Amino acid sequence: MAEIREQSLLEPAPAPHGQGLLLRPWDATSEEDARNWWRGRNDPEFRRWNTPMALERDFADARESLAAHVKQAAEGTGMPFCVTDEATGATLGHVGVHVTSRPMRTGRIGYWVLPEARGHHVASRALALAARWAFEEIGLHRMELGHATGHEASCRVAERGGFGYEGTLRDAMWEAGRHDAFRDCHLHARLSTDA
């Protein structure tokens, strides 16, 4: 049986790429990366559907959030990928892989796309690339993703990325911008053995 890599996920490995995209690690020391991270996570559409564990109220909070995500990669518990245009290097969004159970070889994946990149299937292409990386490079068997009920665009992204709908989780996400109220979440998943 395959095992999940225990070491840092930042160690040199081929960068996931294809379908016009290149996924590279976010750089917490880069001013440009920090600004794009803040721009994506401060976007009204992102905030409508997502409430991060730590609410980011300003650019300094966003820098801390980015550094925390990059730290997960160094610890081997997650990998935040900056989604870029393979030809130009322009930042298009984010896709993040998080190991949730080493013994069960399961993980969670999430994504967002900058406003100017929406409508071009960037999220579904990035999702497919990151899932393949998680299965092949770190040995996950099951990847899950969740999105707020009613977020039809995210549902389509999941389906196009090979993540089938598995059900509705009650009160599994916070309401937009709150840590004191909950909303339901659709669960999607993909296995390493899926086509």
C-alpha atoms as a PDB file:
ATOM      1  CA  MET A   1       0.000   0.000   0.000  1.00  0.00           C
ATOM      2  CA  ALA A   2       1.283   3.451  -0.872  1.00  0.00           C
ATOM      3  CA  GLU A   3       2.056   5.867   1.930  1.00  0.00           C
ATOM      4  CA  ILE A   4       1.759   9.622   2.095  1.00  0.00           C
ATOM      5  CA  ARG A   5       5.065  11.458   1.928  1.00  0.00           C
ATOM      6  CA  GLU A   6       6.047  12.617   5.410  1.00  0.00           C
ATOM      7  CA  GLN A   7       8.476  15.387   4.433  1.00  0.00           C
ATOM      8  CA  SER A   8       7.972  18.950   3.369  1.00  0.00           C
ATOM      9  CA  LEU A   9       5.823  19.351   0.276  1.00  0.00           C
ATOM     10  CA  LEU A  10       8.053  22.217  -0.825  1.00  0.00           C
ATOM     11  CA  GLU A  11      10.843  19.824  -1.831  1.00  0.00           C
ATOM     12  CA  PRO A  12      11.661  19.938  -5.527  1.00  0.00           C
ATOM     13  CA  ALA A  13       9.103  18.076  -7.609  1.00  0.00           C
ATOM     14  CA  PRO A  14       7.737  18.716 -11.057  1.00  0.00           C
ATOM     15  CA  ALA A  15       5.336  21.667 -10.950  1.00  0.00           C
ATOM     16  CA  PRO A  16       1.855  20.553 -11.992  1.00  0.00           C
ATOM     17  CA  HIS A  17       1.130  22.007 -15.407  1.00  0.00           C
ATOM     18  CA  GLY A  18      -1.046  21.450 -18.432  1.00  0.00           C
ATOM     19  CA  GLN A  19      -4.150  22.757 -20.143  1.00  0.00           C
ATOM     20  CA  GLY A  20      -2.508  26.208 -20.266  1.00  0.00           C
ATOM     21  CA  LEU A  21      -1.874  26.382 -16.511  1.00  0.00           C
ATOM     22  CA  LEU A  22       1.137  26.111 -14.227  1.00  0.00           C
ATOM     23  CA  LEU A  23       0.659  25.525 -10.498  1.00  0.00           C
ATOM     24  CA  ARG A  24       3.528  26.886  -8.430  1.00  0.00           C
ATOM     25  CA  PRO A  25       3.924  27.310  -4.674  1.00  0.00           C
ATOM     26  CA  TRP A  26       2.864  30.682  -3.307  1.00  0.00           C
ATOM     27  CA  ASP A  27       5.802  32.745  -2.020  1.00  0.00           C
ATOM     28  CA  ALA A  28       5.017  34.368   1.333  1.00  0.00           C
ATOM     29  CA  THR A  29       7.992  36.725   0.933  1.00  0.00           C
ATOM     30  CA  SER A  30       6.804  38.074  -2.426  1.00  0.00           C
ATOM     31  CA  GLU A  31       4.967  41.398  -2.359  1.00  0.00           C
ATOM     32  CA  GLU A  32       3.223  40.530  -5.635  1.00  0.00           C
ATOM     33  CA  ASP A  33       2.045  37.157  -4.317  1.00  0.00           C
ATOM     34  CA  ALA A  34       0.793  38.757  -1.098  1.00  0.00           C
ATOM     35  CA  ARG A  35      -1.139  41.391  -3.064  1.00  0.00           C
ATOM     36  CA  ASN A  36      -2.721  38.765  -5.336  1.00  0.00           C
ATOM     37  CA  TRP A  37      -3.588  36.620  -2.293  1.00  0.00           C
ATOM     38  CA  TRP A  38      -5.275  39.626  -0.643  1.00  0.00           C
ATOM     39  CA  ARG A  39      -7.043  40.585  -3.865  1.00  0.00           C
ATOM     40  CA  GLY A  40      -8.453  37.071  -4.264  1.00  0.00           C
ATOM     41  CA  ARG A  41      -9.517  36.622  -0.666  1.00  0.00           C
ATOM     42  CA  ASN A  42     -10.920  40.142  -0.386  1.00  0.00           C
ATOM     43  CA  ASP A  43     -13.022  39.727  -3.533  1.00  0.00           C
ATOM     44  CA  PRO A  44     -16.771  40.105  -2.768  1.00  0.00           C
ATOM     45  CA  GLU A  45     -17.619  36.879  -4.622  1.00  0.00           C
ATOM     46  CA  PHE A  46     -15.012  34.935  -2.610  1.00  0.00           C
ATOM     47  CA  ARG A  47     -16.343  36.400   0.637  1.00  0.00           C
ATOM     48  CA  ARG A  48     -19.925  35.621  -0.345  1.00  0.00           C
ATOM     49  CA  TRP A  49     -19.181  31.895  -0.447  1.00  0.00           C
ATOM     50  CA  ASN A  50     -16.167  31.428   1.850  1.00  0.00           C
ATOM     51  CA  THR A  51     -15.347  32.293   5.431  1.00  0.00           C
ATOM     52  CA  PRO A  52     -11.727  31.489   6.289  1.00  0.00           C
ATOM     53  CA  MET A  53     -10.787  30.166   9.729  1.00  0.00           C
ATOM     54  CA  ALA A  54      -9.146  33.512  10.440  1.00  0.00           C
ATOM     55  CA  LEU A  55     -11.008  36.473   9.010  1.00  0.00           C
ATOM     56  CA  GLU A  56      -8.728  38.704   6.957  1.00  0.00           C
ATOM     57  CA  ARG A  57      -9.652  42.315   7.549  1.00  0.00           C
ATOM     58  CA  ASP A  58      -6.673  44.000   5.898  1.00  0.00           C
ATOM     59  CA  PHE A  59      -3.512  43.420   3.888  1.00  0.00           C
ATOM     60  CA  ALA A  60      -1.480  42.559   7.020  1.00  0.00           C
ATOM     61  CA  ASP A  61      -3.986  39.800   7.892  1.00  0.00           C
ATOM     62  CA  ALA A  62      -3.741  38.498   4.334  1.00  0.00           C
ATOM     63  CA  ARG A  63       0.066  38.344   4.548  1.00  0.00           C
ATOM     64  CA  GLU A  64      -0.245  36.334   7.786  1.00  0.00           C
ATOM     65  CA  SER A  65      -2.781  34.030   6.151  1.00  0.00           C
ATOM     66  CA  LEU A  66      -0.518  33.422   3.155  1.00  0.00           C
ATOM     67  CA  ALA A  67       2.461  32.725   5.449  1.00  0.00           C
ATOM     68  CA  ALA A  68       0.352  30.221   7.422  1.00  0.00           C
ATOM     69  CA  HIS A  69      -0.620  28.395   4.230  1.00  0.00           C
ATOM     70  CA  VAL A  70       2.996  28.269   3.047  1.00  0.00           C
ATOM     71  CA  LYS A  71       4.003  26.943   6.486  1.00  0.00           C
ATOM     72  CA  GLN A  72       1.618  24.002   5.968  1.00  0.00           C
ATOM     73  CA  ALA A  73       3.644  23.037   2.913  1.00  0.00           C
ATOM     74  CA  ALA A  74       6.894  23.145   4.911  1.00  0.00           C
ATOM     75  CA  GLU A  75       5.250  20.930   7.551  1.00  0.00           C
ATOM     76  CA  GLY A  76       3.932  18.469   4.970  1.00  0.00           C
ATOM     77  CA  THR A  77       0.254  19.032   5.837  1.00  0.00           C
ATOM     78  CA  GLY A  78      -0.854  21.069   2.837  1.00  0.00           C
ATOM     79  CA  MET A  79       0.190  22.669  -0.406  1.00  0.00           C
ATOM     80  CA  PRO A  80      -1.043  26.084  -1.524  1.00  0.00           C
ATOM     81  CA  PHE A  81      -0.625  26.450  -5.267  1.00  0.00           C
ATOM     82  CA  CYS A  82      -0.689  29.767  -7.064  1.00  0.00           C
ATOM     83  CA  VAL A  83      -2.538  29.102 -10.317  1.00  0.00           C
ATOM     84  CA  THR A  84      -0.781  30.878 -13.166  1.00  0.00           C
ATOM     85  CA  ASP A  85      -1.103  31.186 -16.920  1.00  0.00           C
ATOM     86  CA  GLU A  86       1.525  28.798 -18.262  1.00  0.00           C
ATOM     87  CA  ALA A  87       2.500  31.130 -21.113  1.00  0.00           C
ATOM     88  CA  THR A  88       2.573  34.506 -19.355  1.00  0.00           C
ATOM     89  CA  GLY A  89       3.036  33.660 -15.676  1.00  0.00           C
ATOM     90  CA  ALA A  90       0.066  35.862 -14.738  1.00  0.00           C
ATOM     91  CA  THR A  91      -1.613  34.895 -11.471  1.00  0.00           C
ATOM     92  CA  LEU A  92      -5.125  33.549 -12.042  1.00  0.00           C
ATOM     93  CA  GLY A  93      -6.089  32.130  -8.658  1.00  0.00           C
ATOM     94  CA  HIS A  94      -5.412  29.513  -6.010  1.00  0.00           C
ATOM     95  CA  VAL A  95      -5.875  25.801  -5.441  1.00  0.00           C
ATOM     96  CA  GLY A  96      -4.884  24.275  -2.102  1.00  0.00           C
ATOM     97  CA  VAL A  97      -4.427  20.651  -1.061  1.00  0.00           C
ATOM     98  CA  HIS A  98      -4.663  19.750   2.635  1.00  0.00           C
ATOM     99  CA  VAL A  99      -3.876  16.313   4.087  1.00  0.00           C
ATOM    100  CA  THR A 100      -6.689  15.484   6.528  1.00  0.00           C
ATOM    101  CA  SER A 101      -5.800  11.876   7.457  1.00  0.00           C
ATOM    102  CA  ARG A 102      -2.476  10.201   6.770  1.00  0.00           C
ATOM    103  CA  PRO A 103      -3.660   6.688   7.751  1.00  0.00           C
ATOM    104  CA  MET A 104      -6.713   6.953   5.480  1.00  0.00           C
ATOM    105  CA  ARG A 105      -4.717   8.809   2.771  1.00  0.00           C
ATOM    106  CA  THR A 106      -7.404  11.481   2.489  1.00  0.00           C
ATOM    107  CA  GLY A 107      -7.222  15.154   1.760  1.00  0.00           C
ATOM    108  CA  ARG A 108      -9.308  18.222   1.159  1.00  0.00           C
ATOM    109  CA  ILE A 109      -8.997  20.641  -1.727  1.00  0.00           C
ATOM    110  CA  GLY A 110     -10.221  24.192  -2.245  1.00  0.00           C
ATOM    111  CA  TYR A 111      -9.902  26.844  -4.924  1.00  0.00           C
ATOM    112  CA  TRP A 112     -10.663  30.401  -5.905  1.00  0.00           C
ATOM    113  CA  VAL A 113     -10.113  32.402  -9.072  1.00  0.00           C
ATOM    114  CA  LEU A 114      -9.415  36.103  -9.506  1.00  0.00           C
ATOM    115  CA  PRO A 115     -12.305  38.033 -11.118  1.00  0.00           C
ATOM    116  CA  GLU A 116     -10.533  38.568 -14.445  1.00  0.00           C
ATOM    117  CA  ALA A 117      -9.900  34.818 -14.817  1.00  0.00           C
ATOM    118  CA  ARG A 118     -13.498  33.703 -14.258  1.00  0.00           C
ATOM    119  CA  GLY A 119     -15.487  32.168 -17.081  1.00  0.00           C
ATOM    120  CA  HIS A 120     -12.488  30.380 -18.639  1.00  0.00           C
ATOM    121  CA  HIS A 121     -12.631  27.061 -16.705  1.00  0.00           C
ATOM    122  CA  VAL A 122      -9.486  28.010 -14.774  1.00  0.00           C
ATOM    123  CA  ALA A 123     -10.777  26.543 -11.504  1.00  0.00           C
ATOM    124  CA  SER A 124     -11.801  23.174 -12.966  1.00  0.00           C
ATOM    125  CA  ARG A 125      -8.507  22.830 -14.866  1.00  0.00           C
ATOM    126  CA  ALA A 126      -6.502  23.767 -11.757  1.00  0.00           C
ATOM    127  CA  LEU A 127      -8.582  21.392  -9.644  1.00  0.00           C
ATOM    128  CA  ALA A 128      -7.851  18.474 -11.980  1.00  0.00           C
ATOM    129  CA  LEU A 129      -4.113  19.273 -12.039  1.00  0.00           C
ATOM    130  CA  ALA A 130      -3.875  19.599  -8.241  1.00  0.00           C
ATOM    131  CA  ALA A 131      -5.839  16.384  -7.671  1.00  0.00           C
ATOM    132  CA  ARG A 132      -3.556  14.454 -10.020  1.00  0.00           C
ATOM    133  CA  TRP A 133      -0.536  15.910  -8.165  1.00  0.00           C
ATOM    134  CA  ALA A 134      -2.024  14.900  -4.785  1.00  0.00           C
ATOM    135  CA  PHE A 135      -2.638  11.345  -5.972  1.00  0.00           C
ATOM    136  CA  GLU A 136       0.682  10.867  -7.762  1.00  0.00           C
ATOM    137  CA  GLU A 137       3.153  12.959  -5.758  1.00  0.00           C
ATOM    138  CA  ILE A 138       1.969  12.621  -2.161  1.00  0.00           C
ATOM    139  CA  GLY A 139       0.004   9.373  -2.355  1.00  0.00           C
ATOM    140  CA  LEU A 140      -3.505  10.451  -1.394  1.00  0.00           C
ATOM    141  CA  HIS A 141      -6.315   8.035  -2.233  1.00  0.00           C
ATOM    142  CA  ARG A 142      -9.380  10.217  -1.580  1.00  0.00           C
ATOM    143  CA  MET A 143      -9.785  13.947  -2.114  1.00  0.00           C
ATOM    144  CA  GLU A 144     -12.838  15.833  -0.866  1.00  0.00           C
ATOM    145  CA  LEU A 145     -14.101  19.342  -1.471  1.00  0.00           C
ATOM    146  CA  GLY A 146     -16.978  21.238  -0.027  1.00  0.00           C
ATOM    147  CA  HIS A 147     -18.835  24.336  -1.140  1.00  0.00           C
ATOM    148  CA  ALA A 148     -21.767  26.244   0.257  1.00  0.00           C
ATOM    149  CA  THR A 149     -25.143  25.056  -0.953  1.00  0.00           C
ATOM    150  CA  GLY A 150     -26.425  27.378  -3.623  1.00  0.00           C
ATOM    151  CA  HIS A 151     -22.961  27.999  -5.072  1.00  0.00           C
ATOM    152  CA  GLU A 152     -23.803  26.526  -8.474  1.00  0.00           C
ATOM    153  CA  ALA A 153     -20.578  27.737 -10.137  1.00  0.00           C
ATOM    154  CA  SER A 154     -18.477  25.820  -7.612  1.00  0.00           C
ATOM    155  CA  CYS A 155     -20.661  22.754  -8.097  1.00  0.00           C
ATOM    156  CA  ARG A 156     -19.939  22.866 -11.853  1.00  0.00           C
ATOM    157  CA  VAL A 157     -16.210  23.318 -11.188  1.00  0.00           C
ATOM    158  CA  ALA A 158     -16.203  20.249  -8.951  1.00  0.00           C
ATOM    159  CA  GLU A 159     -18.025  18.105 -11.499  1.00  0.00           C
ATOM    160  CA  ARG A 160     -15.771  19.237 -14.373  1.00  0.00           C
ATOM    161  CA  GLY A 161     -12.731  18.515 -12.189  1.00  0.00           C
ATOM    162  CA  GLY A 162     -13.862  14.915 -11.671  1.00  0.00           C
ATOM    163  CA  PHE A 163     -15.301  15.394  -8.169  1.00  0.00           C
ATOM    164  CA  GLY A 164     -18.695  13.710  -7.979  1.00  0.00           C
ATOM    165  CA  TYR A 165     -21.431  14.970  -5.663  1.00  0.00           C
ATOM    166  CA  GLU A 166     -21.768  12.746  -2.574  1.00  0.00           C
ATOM    167  CA  GLY A 167     -24.296  14.571  -0.439  1.00  0.00           C
ATOM    168  CA  THR A 168     -25.123  17.563   1.725  1.00  0.00           C
ATOM    169  CA  LEU A 169     -23.423  18.161   5.066  1.00  0.00           C
ATOM    170  CA  ARG A 170     -25.645  20.060   7.481  1.00  0.00           C
ATOM    171  CA  ASP A 171     -24.188  23.167   9.149  1.00  0.00           C
ATOM    172  CA  ALA A 172     -20.705  22.255   7.905  1.00  0.00           C
ATOM    173  CA  MET A 173     -19.585  25.774   6.921  1.00  0.00           C
ATOM    174  CA  TRP A 174     -19.775  29.196   8.441  1.00  0.00           C
ATOM    175  CA  GLU A 175     -22.147  31.758   7.041  1.00  0.00           C
ATOM    176  CA  ALA A 176     -20.493  34.470   4.955  1.00  0.00           C
ATOM    177  CA  GLY A 177     -18.250  36.650   7.115  1.00  0.00           C
ATOM    178  CA  ARG A 178     -19.336  35.061  10.402  1.00  0.00           C
ATOM    179  CA  HIS A 179     -17.962  32.603  12.924  1.00  0.00           C
ATOM    180  CA  ASP A 180     -21.196  32.338  14.897  1.00  0.00           C
ATOM    181  CA  ALA A 181     -23.674  30.935  12.337  1.00  0.00           C
ATOM    182  CA  PHE A 182     -23.566  27.960  10.012  1.00  0.00           C
ATOM    183  CA  ARG A 183     -24.788  26.889   6.588  1.00  0.00           C
ATOM    184  CA  ASP A 184     -25.017  23.625   4.694  1.00  0.00           C
ATOM    185  CA  CYS A 185     -22.295  22.383   2.397  1.00  0.00           C
ATOM    186  CA  HIS A 186     -22.250  20.104  -0.639  1.00  0.00           C
ATOM    187  CA  LEU A 187     -19.638  17.345  -0.419  1.00  0.00           C
ATOM    188  CA  HIS A 188     -17.836  16.253  -3.594  1.00  0.00           C
ATOM    189  CA  ALA A 189     -15.047  13.680  -3.809  1.00  0.00           C
ATOM    190  CA  ARG A 190     -12.663  11.969  -6.171  1.00  0.00           C
ATOM    191  CA  LEU A 191     -10.628   8.788  -5.689  1.00  0.00           C
ATOM    192  CA  SER A 192      -7.195   8.009  -7.077  1.00  0.00           C
ATOM    193  CA  THR A 193      -8.826   5.056  -8.851  1.00  0.00           C
ATOM    194  CA  ASP A 194     -11.438   7.196 -10.620  1.00  0.00           C
ATOM    195  CA  ALA A 195     -11.073   7.692 -14.358  1.00  0.00           C
END
